[in-house]
Amino acid sequence: MPFGLKNAKAAYQRLVNKVFEPLIEHTMEVYVDDMIVKIMHDAKHRPDLRKMLKILRTYGIKLNLNKCLFGVRPGNFMGLIISSQGIQANPDKAKVVLDINRMYRGLRLLHVKIRL
């Protein structure tokens, strides 16, 4: 990142966690710059959205309306798995990271064999 903003994402995540603390895990999940207002019953969705929007207004946080989506159903969304349990990593994408770890271990073994 330019201008020495190396921990900007972490600082932003802490800010968002602090601001939305009363709603996180109850009616809302926040993952870096993705905010999800989850519902169990359609009747509660508007009041929950109002609470979230009120917090945004209170702290002067603005949303990019071109990036906002409403009415998204549970499933795969933007590379994450969204369900009633919250936001989870996509297992297919996690597999890639695990495979890299296995490959690295194989390279270490090869390095040891070459040294002998």
Protein backbone atom coordinates (compact mmCIF):
# COMPACT_ATOMS: atom_id res chain seq x y z
CA MET A 1 0.00 0.00 0.00
CA PRO A 2 1.24 3.50 -0.71
CA PHE A 3 2.21 6.09 1.90
CA GLY A 4 3.14 3.51 4.52
CA LEU A 5 -0.43 2.34 5.18
CA LYS A 6 0.67 -1.23 5.81
CA ASN A 7 -1.90 -2.03 8.50
CA ALA A 8 -4.84 -0.09 7.04
CA LYS A 9 -6.95 -3.23 6.55
CA ALA A 10 -6.42 -4.36 10.13
CA ALA A 11 -7.18 -0.88 11.46
CA TYR A 12 -10.34 -0.72 9.36
CA GLN A 13 -11.42 -4.18 10.59
CA ARG A 14 -10.95 -3.07 14.23
CA LEU A 15 -12.95 0.10 13.55
CA VAL A 16 -15.82 -1.79 11.94
CA ASN A 17 -15.84 -4.41 14.72
CA LYS A 18 -16.02 -1.67 17.35
CA VAL A 19 -18.69 0.37 15.55
CA PHE A 20 -20.99 -2.60 14.85
CA GLU A 21 -20.24 -4.47 18.09
CA PRO A 22 -23.90 -4.50 19.28
CA LEU A 23 -25.07 -6.09 16.00
CA ILE A 24 -22.22 -8.49 15.15
CA GLU A 25 -23.19 -12.16 15.55
CA HIS A 26 -26.80 -11.21 16.30
CA THR A 27 -28.10 -9.62 13.11
CA MET A 28 -24.92 -8.73 11.26
CA GLU A 29 -21.59 -10.17 10.13
CA VAL A 30 -18.61 -8.08 9.05
CA TYR A 31 -15.65 -9.44 7.10
CA VAL A 32 -13.12 -6.76 6.09
CA ASP A 33 -15.23 -4.59 3.76
CA ASP A 34 -18.21 -6.96 3.40
CA MET A 35 -21.15 -6.27 5.73
CA ILE A 36 -24.04 -8.69 5.83
CA VAL A 37 -27.31 -8.10 7.66
CA LYS A 38 -28.74 -11.56 8.19
CA ILE A 39 -32.33 -12.42 8.97
CA MET A 40 -34.31 -15.40 10.14
CA HIS A 41 -37.71 -13.84 9.43
CA ASP A 42 -38.55 -11.37 6.67
CA ALA A 43 -40.50 -9.17 9.10
CA LYS A 44 -37.34 -8.39 11.13
CA HIS A 45 -35.20 -7.41 8.14
CA ARG A 46 -36.25 -3.76 7.86
CA PRO A 47 -35.70 -2.94 11.54
CA ASP A 48 -32.29 -4.67 11.43
CA LEU A 49 -31.31 -2.73 8.30
CA ARG A 50 -32.45 0.50 9.98
CA LYS A 51 -30.20 -0.22 12.98
CA MET A 52 -27.23 -0.79 10.70
CA LEU A 53 -27.94 2.32 8.63
CA LYS A 54 -28.37 4.40 11.79
CA ILE A 55 -24.91 3.32 12.99
CA LEU A 56 -23.45 4.17 9.58
CA ARG A 57 -25.05 7.61 9.75
CA THR A 58 -23.91 8.19 13.35
CA TYR A 59 -20.26 7.52 12.50
CA GLY A 60 -20.36 9.16 9.07
CA ILE A 61 -19.53 5.95 7.19
CA LYS A 62 -20.64 6.08 3.58
CA LEU A 63 -21.59 3.15 1.35
CA ASN A 64 -20.94 2.80 -2.36
CA LEU A 65 -24.47 2.08 -3.60
CA ASN A 66 -23.09 0.49 -6.78
CA LYS A 67 -21.56 -2.23 -4.59
CA CYS A 68 -24.57 -2.78 -2.31
CA LEU A 69 -26.76 -5.84 -2.86
CA PHE A 70 -30.06 -6.57 -1.19
CA GLY A 71 -32.05 -9.79 -1.04
CA VAL A 72 -29.11 -12.19 -1.44
CA ARG A 73 -30.02 -15.75 -0.52
CA PRO A 74 -27.73 -18.14 1.43
CA GLY A 75 -25.02 -19.80 -0.65
CA ASN A 76 -21.79 -18.89 -2.41
CA PHE A 77 -21.44 -15.11 -2.59
CA MET A 78 -18.29 -13.24 -3.63
CA GLY A 79 -16.06 -16.23 -2.86
CA LEU A 80 -17.51 -16.75 0.63
CA ILE A 81 -20.12 -19.19 1.92
CA ILE A 82 -23.04 -17.37 3.51
CA SER A 83 -25.36 -19.39 5.71
CA SER A 84 -27.41 -19.09 8.87
CA GLN A 85 -24.16 -19.68 10.81
CA GLY A 86 -22.59 -16.55 9.28
CA ILE A 87 -19.76 -15.98 6.81
CA GLN A 88 -17.35 -18.84 6.21
CA ALA A 89 -14.38 -19.39 3.93
CA ASN A 90 -15.07 -21.26 0.71
CA PRO A 91 -13.60 -24.79 1.16
CA ASP A 92 -12.49 -24.86 -2.49
CA LYS A 93 -10.37 -21.74 -1.97
CA ALA A 94 -9.02 -23.02 1.35
CA LYS A 95 -7.91 -26.21 -0.44
CA VAL A 96 -5.54 -24.15 -2.59
CA VAL A 97 -3.82 -22.78 0.52
CA LEU A 98 -3.52 -26.27 2.02
CA ASP A 99 -2.05 -27.61 -1.23
CA ILE A 100 0.58 -24.84 -1.21
CA ASN A 101 1.52 -25.87 2.32
CA ARG A 102 1.92 -29.52 1.21
CA MET A 103 3.99 -28.44 -1.78
CA TYR A 104 6.26 -26.38 0.48
CA ARG A 105 6.85 -29.39 2.75
CA GLY A 106 7.77 -31.44 -0.33
CA LEU A 107 10.28 -28.79 -1.37
CA ARG A 108 11.89 -28.85 2.08
CA LEU A 109 12.28 -32.64 1.87
CA LEU A 110 13.82 -32.30 -1.60
CA HIS A 111 16.23 -29.66 -0.25
CA VAL A 112 17.34 -32.02 2.56
CA LYS A 113 17.88 -34.91 0.13
CA ILE A 114 20.00 -32.74 -2.17
CA ARG A 115 22.21 -31.62 0.73
CA LEU A 116 22.99 -35.23 1.69
